[in-house]
Amino acid sequence: MGAFSTETLRQGIEGDKAAHLLSLYADDAELRIVDRNTQPSNPRVLHGRSEIGELLEDVYSRDIKAHKLEKCIMQGDQVAYTESCEYADGVRVFAESMITLRDGKIAEQIMLQAWDE
């Protein structure tokens, strides 16, 4: 996929395979997820491409109608973006992420997400 860019991120998020998005992460990347179930005092923390890959494989195996990168701002080695997802059953998810890049790969990501109840 080449150097990291907002278009590279869009292709990873909107693609149909977890491997595309996973390829953007550094081997030792860390992903912190804060949502209704994993609140700020106890976020879900995934370490390394292996753990992050398991999550992405699960997400991309679901019956998703649409997954879209909404807005994205890149400044130096910092990227902030919003994404939306709609499942075939109509449930929607909205997420905001702040990522830190190292050598063109995602080294650290903090994601806040909200699901339809």
PDB file of N, CA and C in Angstrom:
ATOM      1  N   MET A   1       0.815  -1.210   0.000  1.00  0.00           N
ATOM      2  CA  MET A   1       0.000   0.000   0.000  1.00  0.00           C
ATOM      3  C   MET A   1       0.852   1.265   0.000  1.00  0.00           C
ATOM      4  N   GLY A   2       2.133   1.180   0.225  1.00  0.00           N
ATOM      5  CA  GLY A   2       3.001   2.350   0.166  1.00  0.00           C
ATOM      6  C   GLY A   2       2.977   3.167   1.438  1.00  0.00           C
ATOM      7  N   ALA A   3       3.417   4.440   1.335  1.00  0.00           N
ATOM      8  CA  ALA A   3       3.494   5.342   2.482  1.00  0.00           C
ATOM      9  C   ALA A   3       2.101   5.612   3.048  1.00  0.00           C
ATOM     10  N   PHE A   4       2.055   5.904   4.352  1.00  0.00           N
ATOM     11  CA  PHE A   4       0.782   6.175   5.008  1.00  0.00           C
ATOM     12  C   PHE A   4       0.204   7.486   4.493  1.00  0.00           C
ATOM     13  N   SER A   5      -1.072   7.468   4.175  1.00  0.00           N
ATOM     14  CA  SER A   5      -1.802   8.655   3.748  1.00  0.00           C
ATOM     15  C   SER A   5      -3.262   8.470   4.139  1.00  0.00           C
ATOM     16  N   THR A   6      -4.020   9.535   4.050  1.00  0.00           N
ATOM     17  CA  THR A   6      -5.441   9.411   4.380  1.00  0.00           C
ATOM     18  C   THR A   6      -6.128   8.472   3.385  1.00  0.00           C
ATOM     19  N   GLU A   7      -5.677   8.443   2.153  1.00  0.00           N
ATOM     20  CA  GLU A   7      -6.262   7.531   1.163  1.00  0.00           C
ATOM     21  C   GLU A   7      -5.914   6.081   1.497  1.00  0.00           C
ATOM     22  N   THR A   8      -4.703   5.839   1.975  1.00  0.00           N
ATOM     23  CA  THR A   8      -4.303   4.496   2.398  1.00  0.00           C
ATOM     24  C   THR A   8      -5.186   4.037   3.551  1.00  0.00           C
ATOM     25  N   LEU A   9      -5.436   4.937   4.503  1.00  0.00           N
ATOM     26  CA  LEU A   9      -6.307   4.620   5.628  1.00  0.00           C
ATOM     27  C   LEU A   9      -7.719   4.323   5.139  1.00  0.00           C
ATOM     28  N   ARG A  10      -8.230   5.134   4.225  1.00  0.00           N
ATOM     29  CA  ARG A  10      -9.579   4.919   3.674  1.00  0.00           C
ATOM     30  C   ARG A  10      -9.671   3.532   3.028  1.00  0.00           C
ATOM     31  N   GLN A  11      -8.684   3.184   2.246  1.00  0.00           N
ATOM     32  CA  GLN A  11      -8.694   1.880   1.574  1.00  0.00           C
ATOM     33  C   GLN A  11      -8.690   0.742   2.592  1.00  0.00           C
ATOM     34  N   GLY A  12      -7.928   0.914   3.678  1.00  0.00           N
ATOM     35  CA  GLY A  12      -7.892  -0.106   4.725  1.00  0.00           C
ATOM     36  C   GLY A  12      -9.215  -0.253   5.442  1.00  0.00           C
ATOM     37  N   ILE A  13      -9.817   0.859   5.844  1.00  0.00           N
ATOM     38  CA  ILE A  13     -11.085   0.834   6.578  1.00  0.00           C
ATOM     39  C   ILE A  13     -12.228   0.364   5.701  1.00  0.00           C
ATOM     40  N   GLU A  14     -12.303   0.867   4.484  1.00  0.00           N
ATOM     41  CA  GLU A  14     -13.434   0.556   3.614  1.00  0.00           C
ATOM     42  C   GLU A  14     -13.240  -0.726   2.814  1.00  0.00           C
ATOM     43  N   GLY A  15     -12.082  -1.341   2.934  1.00  0.00           N
ATOM     44  CA  GLY A  15     -11.823  -2.591   2.230  1.00  0.00           C
ATOM     45  C   GLY A  15     -12.647  -3.735   2.795  1.00  0.00           C
ATOM     46  N   ASP A  16     -12.533  -4.889   2.169  1.00  0.00           N
ATOM     47  CA  ASP A  16     -13.333  -6.032   2.594  1.00  0.00           C
ATOM     48  C   ASP A  16     -12.520  -7.113   3.301  1.00  0.00           C
ATOM     49  N   LYS A  17     -11.258  -6.821   3.594  1.00  0.00           N
ATOM     50  CA  LYS A  17     -10.399  -7.792   4.257  1.00  0.00           C
ATOM     51  C   LYS A  17      -9.651  -7.128   5.412  1.00  0.00           C
ATOM     52  N   ALA A  18      -9.582  -7.824   6.532  1.00  0.00           N
ATOM     53  CA  ALA A  18      -8.868  -7.314   7.702  1.00  0.00           C
ATOM     54  C   ALA A  18      -7.397  -7.074   7.393  1.00  0.00           C
ATOM     55  N   ALA A  19      -6.817  -7.898   6.535  1.00  0.00           N
ATOM     56  CA  ALA A  19      -5.380  -7.814   6.230  1.00  0.00           C
ATOM     57  C   ALA A  19      -4.993  -6.450   5.675  1.00  0.00           C
ATOM     58  N   HIS A  20      -5.871  -5.820   4.917  1.00  0.00           N
ATOM     59  CA  HIS A  20      -5.559  -4.503   4.355  1.00  0.00           C
ATOM     60  C   HIS A  20      -5.347  -3.476   5.465  1.00  0.00           C
ATOM     61  N   LEU A  21      -6.258  -3.431   6.418  1.00  0.00           N
ATOM     62  CA  LEU A  21      -6.142  -2.480   7.516  1.00  0.00           C
ATOM     63  C   LEU A  21      -5.005  -2.886   8.456  1.00  0.00           C
ATOM     64  N   LEU A  22      -4.868  -4.172   8.723  1.00  0.00           N
ATOM     65  CA  LEU A  22      -3.815  -4.650   9.617  1.00  0.00           C
ATOM     66  C   LEU A  22      -2.428  -4.301   9.089  1.00  0.00           C
ATOM     67  N   SER A  23      -2.266  -4.240   7.789  1.00  0.00           N
ATOM     68  CA  SER A  23      -0.958  -3.923   7.195  1.00  0.00           C
ATOM     69  C   SER A  23      -0.487  -2.511   7.540  1.00  0.00           C
ATOM     70  N   LEU A  24      -1.376  -1.658   8.041  1.00  0.00           N
ATOM     71  CA  LEU A  24      -1.016  -0.287   8.397  1.00  0.00           C
ATOM     72  C   LEU A  24      -0.409  -0.188   9.798  1.00  0.00           C
ATOM     73  N   TYR A  25      -0.489  -1.266  10.577  1.00  0.00           N
ATOM     74  CA  TYR A  25      -0.016  -1.255  11.961  1.00  0.00           C
ATOM     75  C   TYR A  25       1.431  -1.739  12.080  1.00  0.00           C
ATOM     76  N   ALA A  26       2.177  -1.102  12.992  1.00  0.00           N
ATOM     77  CA  ALA A  26       3.523  -1.557  13.327  1.00  0.00           C
ATOM     78  C   ALA A  26       3.404  -2.887  14.072  1.00  0.00           C
ATOM     79  N   ASP A  27       4.458  -3.684  14.045  1.00  0.00           N
ATOM     80  CA  ASP A  27       4.442  -4.982  14.728  1.00  0.00           C
ATOM     81  C   ASP A  27       4.124  -4.853  16.209  1.00  0.00           C
ATOM     82  N   ASP A  28       4.602  -3.784  16.850  1.00  0.00           N
ATOM     83  CA  ASP A  28       4.413  -3.596  18.294  1.00  0.00           C
ATOM     84  C   ASP A  28       3.348  -2.544  18.621  1.00  0.00           C
ATOM     85  N   ALA A  29       2.415  -2.324  17.713  1.00  0.00           N
ATOM     86  CA  ALA A  29       1.371  -1.309  17.905  1.00  0.00           C
ATOM     87  C   ALA A  29       0.520  -1.611  19.138  1.00  0.00           C
ATOM     88  N   GLU A  30      -0.068  -0.543  19.684  1.00  0.00           N
ATOM     89  CA  GLU A  30      -0.995  -0.676  20.805  1.00  0.00           C
ATOM     90  C   GLU A  30      -2.298   0.007  20.433  1.00  0.00           C
ATOM     91  N   LEU A  31      -3.413  -0.673  20.684  1.00  0.00           N
ATOM     92  CA  LEU A  31      -4.746  -0.144  20.419  1.00  0.00           C
ATOM     93  C   LEU A  31      -5.526  -0.151  21.727  1.00  0.00           C
ATOM     94  N   ARG A  32      -5.988   1.047  22.148  1.00  0.00           N
ATOM     95  CA  ARG A  32      -6.845   1.182  23.336  1.00  0.00           C
ATOM     96  C   ARG A  32      -8.248   1.514  22.864  1.00  0.00           C
ATOM     97  N   ILE A  33      -9.227   0.760  23.345  1.00  0.00           N
ATOM     98  CA  ILE A  33     -10.621   0.960  22.948  1.00  0.00           C
ATOM     99  C   ILE A  33     -11.437   1.342  24.172  1.00  0.00           C
ATOM    100  N   VAL A  34     -12.166   2.450  24.040  1.00  0.00           N
ATOM    101  CA  VAL A  34     -13.057   2.911  25.106  1.00  0.00           C
ATOM    102  C   VAL A  34     -14.469   2.929  24.526  1.00  0.00           C
ATOM    103  N   ASP A  35     -15.374   2.240  25.218  1.00  0.00           N
ATOM    104  CA  ASP A  35     -16.776   2.225  24.807  1.00  0.00           C
ATOM    105  C   ASP A  35     -17.641   1.923  26.023  1.00  0.00           C
ATOM    106  N   ARG A  36     -18.873   1.586  25.791  1.00  0.00           N
ATOM    107  CA  ARG A  36     -19.820   1.325  26.883  1.00  0.00           C
ATOM    108  C   ARG A  36     -19.345   0.189  27.781  1.00  0.00           C
ATOM    109  N   ASN A  37     -18.728  -0.820  27.191  1.00  0.00           N
ATOM    110  CA  ASN A  37     -18.296  -2.002  27.940  1.00  0.00           C
ATOM    111  C   ASN A  37     -16.887  -1.881  28.511  1.00  0.00           C
ATOM    112  N   THR A  38     -16.050  -1.079  27.879  1.00  0.00           N
ATOM    113  CA  THR A  38     -14.664  -0.910  28.335  1.00  0.00           C
ATOM    114  C   THR A  38     -14.433   0.580  28.534  1.00  0.00           C
ATOM    115  N   GLN A  39     -14.847   1.050  29.687  1.00  0.00           N
ATOM    116  CA  GLN A  39     -14.866   2.474  29.983  1.00  0.00           C
ATOM    117  C   GLN A  39     -13.462   3.013  30.272  1.00  0.00           C
ATOM    118  N   PRO A  40     -13.306   4.344  30.335  1.00  0.00           N
ATOM    119  CA  PRO A  40     -11.978   4.957  30.454  1.00  0.00           C
ATOM    120  C   PRO A  40     -11.103   4.409  31.587  1.00  0.00           C
ATOM    121  N   SER A  41     -11.693   4.025  32.706  1.00  0.00           N
ATOM    122  CA  SER A  41     -10.887   3.518  33.812  1.00  0.00           C
ATOM    123  C   SER A  41     -10.385   2.096  33.567  1.00  0.00           C
ATOM    124  N   ASN A  42     -10.957   1.421  32.578  1.00  0.00           N
ATOM    125  CA  ASN A  42     -10.548   0.045  32.278  1.00  0.00           C
ATOM    126  C   ASN A  42     -10.735  -0.242  30.785  1.00  0.00           C
ATOM    127  N   PRO A  43      -9.982   0.451  29.915  1.00  0.00           N
ATOM    128  CA  PRO A  43     -10.158   0.254  28.471  1.00  0.00           C
ATOM    129  C   PRO A  43      -9.669  -1.121  28.026  1.00  0.00           C
ATOM    130  N   ARG A  44     -10.141  -1.538  26.878  1.00  0.00           N
ATOM    131  CA  ARG A  44      -9.607  -2.759  26.251  1.00  0.00           C
ATOM    132  C   ARG A  44      -8.298  -2.360  25.584  1.00  0.00           C
ATOM    133  N   VAL A  45      -7.208  -3.045  25.899  1.00  0.00           N
ATOM    134  CA  VAL A  45      -5.908  -2.715  25.332  1.00  0.00           C
ATOM    135  C   VAL A  45      -5.379  -3.934  24.585  1.00  0.00           C
ATOM    136  N   LEU A  46      -5.112  -3.749  23.305  1.00  0.00           N
ATOM    137  CA  LEU A  46      -4.550  -4.805  22.470  1.00  0.00           C
ATOM    138  C   LEU A  46      -3.105  -4.459  22.163  1.00  0.00           C
ATOM    139  N   HIS A  47      -2.227  -5.449  22.293  1.00  0.00           N
ATOM    140  CA  HIS A  47      -0.798  -5.241  22.080  1.00  0.00           C
ATOM    141  C   HIS A  47      -0.334  -6.047  20.873  1.00  0.00           C
ATOM    142  N   GLY A  48       0.262  -5.375  19.917  1.00  0.00           N
ATOM    143  CA  GLY A  48       0.865  -6.056  18.777  1.00  0.00           C
ATOM    144  C   GLY A  48      -0.114  -6.395  17.673  1.00  0.00           C
ATOM    145  N   ARG A  49       0.454  -6.640  16.508  1.00  0.00           N
ATOM    146  CA  ARG A  49      -0.364  -6.938  15.324  1.00  0.00           C
ATOM    147  C   ARG A  49      -1.176  -8.210  15.482  1.00  0.00           C
ATOM    148  N   SER A  50      -0.685  -9.171  16.256  1.00  0.00           N
ATOM    149  CA  SER A  50      -1.414 -10.423  16.424  1.00  0.00           C
ATOM    150  C   SER A  50      -2.751 -10.183  17.121  1.00  0.00           C
ATOM    151  N   GLU A  51      -2.741  -9.485  18.261  1.00  0.00           N
ATOM    152  CA  GLU A  51      -3.984  -9.197  18.988  1.00  0.00           C
ATOM    153  C   GLU A  51      -4.892  -8.270  18.195  1.00  0.00           C
ATOM    154  N   ILE A  52      -4.312  -7.242  17.575  1.00  0.00           N
ATOM    155  CA  ILE A  52      -5.108  -6.314  16.761  1.00  0.00           C
ATOM    156  C   ILE A  52      -5.711  -7.058  15.575  1.00  0.00           C
ATOM    157  N   GLY A  53      -4.941  -7.961  14.985  1.00  0.00           N
ATOM    158  CA  GLY A  53      -5.420  -8.753  13.854  1.00  0.00           C
ATOM    159  C   GLY A  53      -6.608  -9.624  14.224  1.00  0.00           C
ATOM    160  N   GLU A  54      -6.611 -10.206  15.426  1.00  0.00           N
ATOM    161  CA  GLU A  54      -7.745 -11.017  15.871  1.00  0.00           C
ATOM    162  C   GLU A  54      -9.013 -10.175  15.922  1.00  0.00           C
ATOM    163  N   LEU A  55      -8.898  -8.967  16.455  1.00  0.00           N
ATOM    164  CA  LEU A  55     -10.054  -8.068  16.505  1.00  0.00           C
ATOM    165  C   LEU A  55     -10.535  -7.734  15.102  1.00  0.00           C
ATOM    166  N   LEU A  56      -9.619  -7.352  14.223  1.00  0.00           N
ATOM    167  CA  LEU A  56      -9.993  -6.968  12.864  1.00  0.00           C
ATOM    168  C   LEU A  56     -10.606  -8.132  12.091  1.00  0.00           C
ATOM    169  N   GLU A  57     -10.065  -9.338  12.276  1.00  0.00           N
ATOM    170  CA  GLU A  57     -10.643 -10.522  11.615  1.00  0.00           C
ATOM    171  C   GLU A  57     -12.084 -10.715  12.063  1.00  0.00           C
ATOM    172  N   ASP A  58     -12.335 -10.519  13.360  1.00  0.00           N
ATOM    173  CA  ASP A  58     -13.696 -10.637  13.876  1.00  0.00           C
ATOM    174  C   ASP A  58     -14.608  -9.591  13.242  1.00  0.00           C
ATOM    175  N   VAL A  59     -14.156  -8.344  13.222  1.00  0.00           N
ATOM    176  CA  VAL A  59     -14.971  -7.260  12.659  1.00  0.00           C
ATOM    177  C   VAL A  59     -15.271  -7.511  11.184  1.00  0.00           C
ATOM    178  N   TYR A  60     -14.258  -7.842  10.396  1.00  0.00           N
ATOM    179  CA  TYR A  60     -14.452  -8.005   8.956  1.00  0.00           C
ATOM    180  C   TYR A  60     -15.176  -9.296   8.597  1.00  0.00           C
ATOM    181  N   SER A  61     -15.361 -10.211   9.559  1.00  0.00           N
ATOM    182  CA  SER A  61     -16.113 -11.440   9.290  1.00  0.00           C
ATOM    183  C   SER A  61     -17.615 -11.233   9.494  1.00  0.00           C
ATOM    184  N   ARG A  62     -18.002 -10.091  10.042  1.00  0.00           N
ATOM    185  CA  ARG A  62     -19.412  -9.812  10.327  1.00  0.00           C
ATOM    186  C   ARG A  62     -20.153  -9.373   9.059  1.00  0.00           C
ATOM    187  N   ASP A  63     -21.483  -9.429   9.143  1.00  0.00           N
ATOM    188  CA  ASP A  63     -22.331  -9.033   8.018  1.00  0.00           C
ATOM    189  C   ASP A  63     -22.485  -7.510   8.017  1.00  0.00           C
ATOM    190  N   ILE A  64     -21.523  -6.833   7.412  1.00  0.00           N
ATOM    191  CA  ILE A  64     -21.484  -5.371   7.407  1.00  0.00           C
ATOM    192  C   ILE A  64     -21.995  -4.850   6.070  1.00  0.00           C
ATOM    193  N   LYS A  65     -22.934  -3.936   6.166  1.00  0.00           N
ATOM    194  CA  LYS A  65     -23.504  -3.312   4.964  1.00  0.00           C
ATOM    195  C   LYS A  65     -22.570  -2.227   4.434  1.00  0.00           C
ATOM    196  N   ALA A  66     -22.000  -1.417   5.346  1.00  0.00           N
ATOM    197  CA  ALA A  66     -21.120  -0.326   4.927  1.00  0.00           C
ATOM    198  C   ALA A  66     -20.158   0.025   6.051  1.00  0.00           C
ATOM    199  N   HIS A  67     -18.922   0.288   5.685  1.00  0.00           N
ATOM    200  CA  HIS A  67     -17.891   0.745   6.621  1.00  0.00           C
ATOM    201  C   HIS A  67     -17.203   1.914   5.931  1.00  0.00           C
ATOM    202  N   LYS A  68     -17.229   3.092   6.565  1.00  0.00           N
ATOM    203  CA  LYS A  68     -16.806   4.307   5.862  1.00  0.00           C
ATOM    204  C   LYS A  68     -15.919   5.192   6.725  1.00  0.00           C
ATOM    205  N   LEU A  69     -14.840   5.662   6.135  1.00  0.00           N
ATOM    206  CA  LEU A  69     -14.024   6.694   6.761  1.00  0.00           C
ATOM    207  C   LEU A  69     -14.741   8.011   6.511  1.00  0.00           C
ATOM    208  N   GLU A  70     -15.164   8.676   7.576  1.00  0.00           N
ATOM    209  CA  GLU A  70     -15.955   9.903   7.443  1.00  0.00           C
ATOM    210  C   GLU A  70     -15.058  11.132   7.264  1.00  0.00           C
ATOM    211  N   LYS A  71     -14.271  11.426   8.277  1.00  0.00           N
ATOM    212  CA  LYS A  71     -13.390  12.599   8.250  1.00  0.00           C
ATOM    213  C   LYS A  71     -12.019  12.163   8.725  1.00  0.00           C
ATOM    214  N   CYS A  72     -10.994  12.826   8.196  1.00  0.00           N
ATOM    215  CA  CYS A  72      -9.639  12.457   8.575  1.00  0.00           C
ATOM    216  C   CYS A  72      -8.738  13.681   8.468  1.00  0.00           C
ATOM    217  N   ILE A  73      -7.947  13.890   9.512  1.00  0.00           N
ATOM    218  CA  ILE A  73      -6.985  14.988   9.530  1.00  0.00           C
ATOM    219  C   ILE A  73      -5.627  14.387   9.871  1.00  0.00           C
ATOM    220  N   MET A  74      -4.640  14.725   9.055  1.00  0.00           N
ATOM    221  CA  MET A  74      -3.287  14.220   9.276  1.00  0.00           C
ATOM    222  C   MET A  74      -2.354  15.405   9.423  1.00  0.00           C
ATOM    223  N   GLN A  75      -1.589  15.404  10.512  1.00  0.00           N
ATOM    224  CA  GLN A  75      -0.618  16.469  10.749  1.00  0.00           C
ATOM    225  C   GLN A  75       0.646  15.818  11.300  1.00  0.00           C
ATOM    226  N   GLY A  76       1.684  15.801  10.493  1.00  0.00           N
ATOM    227  CA  GLY A  76       2.923  15.162  10.911  1.00  0.00           C
ATOM    228  C   GLY A  76       2.693  13.692  11.166  1.00  0.00           C
ATOM    229  N   ASP A  77       3.045  13.231  12.361  1.00  0.00           N
ATOM    230  CA  ASP A  77       2.874  11.815  12.699  1.00  0.00           C
ATOM    231  C   ASP A  77       1.612  11.560  13.523  1.00  0.00           C
ATOM    232  N   GLN A  78       0.672  12.511  13.498  1.00  0.00           N
ATOM    233  CA  GLN A  78      -0.601  12.374  14.207  1.00  0.00           C
ATOM    234  C   GLN A  78      -1.747  12.361  13.198  1.00  0.00           C
ATOM    235  N   VAL A  79      -2.693  11.457  13.412  1.00  0.00           N
ATOM    236  CA  VAL A  79      -3.857  11.346  12.543  1.00  0.00           C
ATOM    237  C   VAL A  79      -5.093  11.214  13.429  1.00  0.00           C
ATOM    238  N   ALA A  80      -6.128  11.986  13.112  1.00  0.00           N
ATOM    239  CA  ALA A  80      -7.411  11.881  13.804  1.00  0.00           C
ATOM    240  C   ALA A  80      -8.474  11.597  12.749  1.00  0.00           C
ATOM    241  N   TYR A  81      -9.361  10.661  13.064  1.00  0.00           N
ATOM    242  CA  TYR A  81     -10.393  10.350  12.073  1.00  0.00           C
ATOM    243  C   TYR A  81     -11.656   9.812  12.731  1.00  0.00           C
ATOM    244  N   THR A  82     -12.751   9.894  11.980  1.00  0.00           N
ATOM    245  CA  THR A  82     -14.023   9.314  12.390  1.00  0.00           C
ATOM    246  C   THR A  82     -14.414   8.285  11.348  1.00  0.00           C
ATOM    247  N   GLU A  83     -15.062   7.251  11.812  1.00  0.00           N
ATOM    248  CA  GLU A  83     -15.544   6.214  10.901  1.00  0.00           C
ATOM    249  C   GLU A  83     -16.926   5.768  11.335  1.00  0.00           C
ATOM    250  N   SER A  84     -17.694   5.290  10.378  1.00  0.00           N
ATOM    251  CA  SER A  84     -19.025   4.786  10.675  1.00  0.00           C
ATOM    252  C   SER A  84     -19.176   3.408  10.053  1.00  0.00           C
ATOM    253  N   CYS A  85     -20.056   2.639  10.659  1.00  0.00           N
ATOM    254  CA  CYS A  85     -20.292   1.281  10.202  1.00  0.00           C
ATOM    255  C   CYS A  85     -21.779   0.990  10.345  1.00  0.00           C
ATOM    256  N   GLU A  86     -22.318   0.309   9.361  1.00  0.00           N
ATOM    257  CA  GLU A  86     -23.709  -0.127   9.450  1.00  0.00           C
ATOM    258  C   GLU A  86     -23.757  -1.621   9.166  1.00  0.00           C
ATOM    259  N   TYR A  87     -24.347  -2.348  10.094  1.00  0.00           N
ATOM    260  CA  TYR A  87     -24.510  -3.783   9.926  1.00  0.00           C
ATOM    261  C   TYR A  87     -25.759  -4.061   9.095  1.00  0.00           C
ATOM    262  N   ALA A  88     -25.836  -5.248   8.547  1.00  0.00           N
ATOM    263  CA  ALA A  88     -26.973  -5.626   7.703  1.00  0.00           C
ATOM    264  C   ALA A  88     -28.292  -5.531   8.460  1.00  0.00           C
ATOM    265  N   ASP A  89     -28.269  -5.732   9.790  1.00  0.00           N
ATOM    266  CA  ASP A  89     -29.500  -5.660  10.589  1.00  0.00           C
ATOM    267  C   ASP A  89     -29.885  -4.232  10.972  1.00  0.00           C
ATOM    268  N   GLY A  90     -29.106  -3.235  10.495  1.00  0.00           N
ATOM    269  CA  GLY A  90     -29.420  -1.838  10.747  1.00  0.00           C
ATOM    270  C   GLY A  90     -28.683  -1.218  11.919  1.00  0.00           C
ATOM    271  N   VAL A  91     -28.013  -2.010  12.744  1.00  0.00           N
ATOM    272  CA  VAL A  91     -27.244  -1.471  13.868  1.00  0.00           C
ATOM    273  C   VAL A  91     -26.087  -0.633  13.328  1.00  0.00           C
ATOM    274  N   ARG A  92     -25.899   0.528  13.936  1.00  0.00           N
ATOM    275  CA  ARG A  92     -24.831   1.433  13.511  1.00  0.00           C
ATOM    276  C   ARG A  92     -23.802   1.609  14.617  1.00  0.00           C
ATOM    277  N   VAL A  93     -22.562   1.842  14.192  1.00  0.00           N
ATOM    278  CA  VAL A  93     -21.447   2.088  15.100  1.00  0.00           C
ATOM    279  C   VAL A  93     -20.746   3.351  14.598  1.00  0.00           C
ATOM    280  N   PHE A  94     -20.333   4.197  15.530  1.00  0.00           N
ATOM    281  CA  PHE A  94     -19.566   5.387  15.180  1.00  0.00           C
ATOM    282  C   PHE A  94     -18.326   5.397  16.057  1.00  0.00           C
ATOM    283  N   ALA A  95     -17.173   5.682  15.462  1.00  0.00           N
ATOM    284  CA  ALA A  95     -15.926   5.673  16.221  1.00  0.00           C
ATOM    285  C   ALA A  95     -15.055   6.860  15.840  1.00  0.00           C
ATOM    286  N   GLU A  96     -14.317   7.339  16.832  1.00  0.00           N
ATOM    287  CA  GLU A  96     -13.299   8.370  16.618  1.00  0.00           C
ATOM    288  C   GLU A  96     -11.973   7.808  17.082  1.00  0.00           C
ATOM    289  N   SER A  97     -10.927   8.047  16.310  1.00  0.00           N
ATOM    290  CA  SER A  97      -9.604   7.545  16.666  1.00  0.00           C
ATOM    291  C   SER A  97      -8.566   8.641  16.562  1.00  0.00           C
ATOM    292  N   MET A  98      -7.578   8.531  17.437  1.00  0.00           N
ATOM    293  CA  MET A  98      -6.372   9.353  17.373  1.00  0.00           C
ATOM    294  C   MET A  98      -5.230   8.365  17.263  1.00  0.00           C
ATOM    295  N   ILE A  99      -4.419   8.514  16.226  1.00  0.00           N
ATOM    296  CA  ILE A  99      -3.306   7.591  16.063  1.00  0.00           C
ATOM    297  C   ILE A  99      -1.982   8.345  15.976  1.00  0.00           C
ATOM    298  N   THR A 100      -0.946   7.648  16.381  1.00  0.00           N
ATOM    299  CA  THR A 100       0.419   8.143  16.283  1.00  0.00           C
ATOM    300  C   THR A 100       1.158   7.208  15.339  1.00  0.00           C
ATOM    301  N   LEU A 101       1.823   7.796  14.372  1.00  0.00           N
ATOM    302  CA  LEU A 101       2.588   7.024  13.392  1.00  0.00           C
ATOM    303  C   LEU A 101       4.053   6.959  13.790  1.00  0.00           C
ATOM    304  N   ARG A 102       4.682   5.864  13.414  1.00  0.00           N
ATOM    305  CA  ARG A 102       6.118   5.720  13.545  1.00  0.00           C
ATOM    306  C   ARG A 102       6.604   5.020  12.281  1.00  0.00           C
ATOM    307  N   ASP A 103       7.492   5.670  11.551  1.00  0.00           N
ATOM    308  CA  ASP A 103       8.008   5.108  10.297  1.00  0.00           C
ATOM    309  C   ASP A 103       6.887   4.731   9.332  1.00  0.00           C
ATOM    310  N   GLY A 104       5.826   5.553   9.293  1.00  0.00           N
ATOM    311  CA  GLY A 104       4.730   5.337   8.350  1.00  0.00           C
ATOM    312  C   GLY A 104       3.727   4.279   8.751  1.00  0.00           C
ATOM    313  N   LYS A 105       3.851   3.732   9.959  1.00  0.00           N
ATOM    314  CA  LYS A 105       2.923   2.701  10.445  1.00  0.00           C
ATOM    315  C   LYS A 105       2.234   3.202  11.706  1.00  0.00           C
ATOM    316  N   ILE A 106       1.050   2.659  11.995  1.00  0.00           N
ATOM    317  CA  ILE A 106       0.329   3.009  13.215  1.00  0.00           C
ATOM    318  C   ILE A 106       1.046   2.363  14.393  1.00  0.00           C
ATOM    319  N   ALA A 107       1.542   3.204  15.304  1.00  0.00           N
ATOM    320  CA  ALA A 107       2.234   2.709  16.490  1.00  0.00           C
ATOM    321  C   ALA A 107       1.313   2.693  17.703  1.00  0.00           C
ATOM    322  N   GLU A 108       0.396   3.654  17.750  1.00  0.00           N
ATOM    323  CA  GLU A 108      -0.504   3.789  18.889  1.00  0.00           C
ATOM    324  C   GLU A 108      -1.844   4.320  18.395  1.00  0.00           C
ATOM    325  N   GLN A 109      -2.926   3.757  18.916  1.00  0.00           N
ATOM    326  CA  GLN A 109      -4.268   4.205  18.541  1.00  0.00           C
ATOM    327  C   GLN A 109      -5.157   4.192  19.770  1.00  0.00           C
ATOM    328  N   ILE A 110      -5.905   5.263  19.931  1.00  0.00           N
ATOM    329  CA  ILE A 110      -6.939   5.341  20.958  1.00  0.00           C
ATOM    330  C   ILE A 110      -8.257   5.496  20.215  1.00  0.00           C
ATOM    331  N   MET A 111      -9.192   4.584  20.466  1.00  0.00           N
ATOM    332  CA  MET A 111     -10.479   4.596  19.767  1.00  0.00           C
ATOM    333  C   MET A 111     -11.618   4.725  20.769  1.00  0.00           C
ATOM    334  N   LEU A 112     -12.506   5.680  20.518  1.00  0.00           N
ATOM    335  CA  LEU A 112     -13.745   5.822  21.276  1.00  0.00           C
ATOM    336  C   LEU A 112     -14.854   5.389  20.343  1.00  0.00           C
ATOM    337  N   GLN A 113     -15.714   4.480  20.796  1.00  0.00           N
ATOM    338  CA  GLN A 113     -16.777   4.005  19.910  1.00  0.00           C
ATOM    339  C   GLN A 113     -18.109   3.937  20.619  1.00  0.00           C
ATOM    340  N   ALA A 114     -19.165   4.166  19.849  1.00  0.00           N
ATOM    341  CA  ALA A 114     -20.523   4.086  20.354  1.00  0.00           C
ATOM    342  C   ALA A 114     -21.359   3.234  19.401  1.00  0.00           C
ATOM    343  N   TRP A 115     -22.159   2.349  19.993  1.00  0.00           N
ATOM    344  CA  TRP A 115     -23.034   1.452  19.237  1.00  0.00           C
ATOM    345  C   TRP A 115     -24.483   1.831  19.484  1.00  0.00           C
ATOM    346  N   ASP A 116     -25.347   1.564  18.505  1.00  0.00           N
ATOM    347  CA  ASP A 116     -26.777   1.677  18.753  1.00  0.00           C
ATOM    348  C   ASP A 116     -27.130   0.700  19.865  1.00  0.00           C
ATOM    349  N   GLU A 117     -28.016   1.135  20.741  1.00  0.00           N
ATOM    350  CA  GLU A 117     -28.459   0.251  21.839  1.00  0.00           C
ATOM    351  C   GLU A 117     -29.572  -0.652  21.352  1.00  0.00           C
TER     352      GLU A 117
END
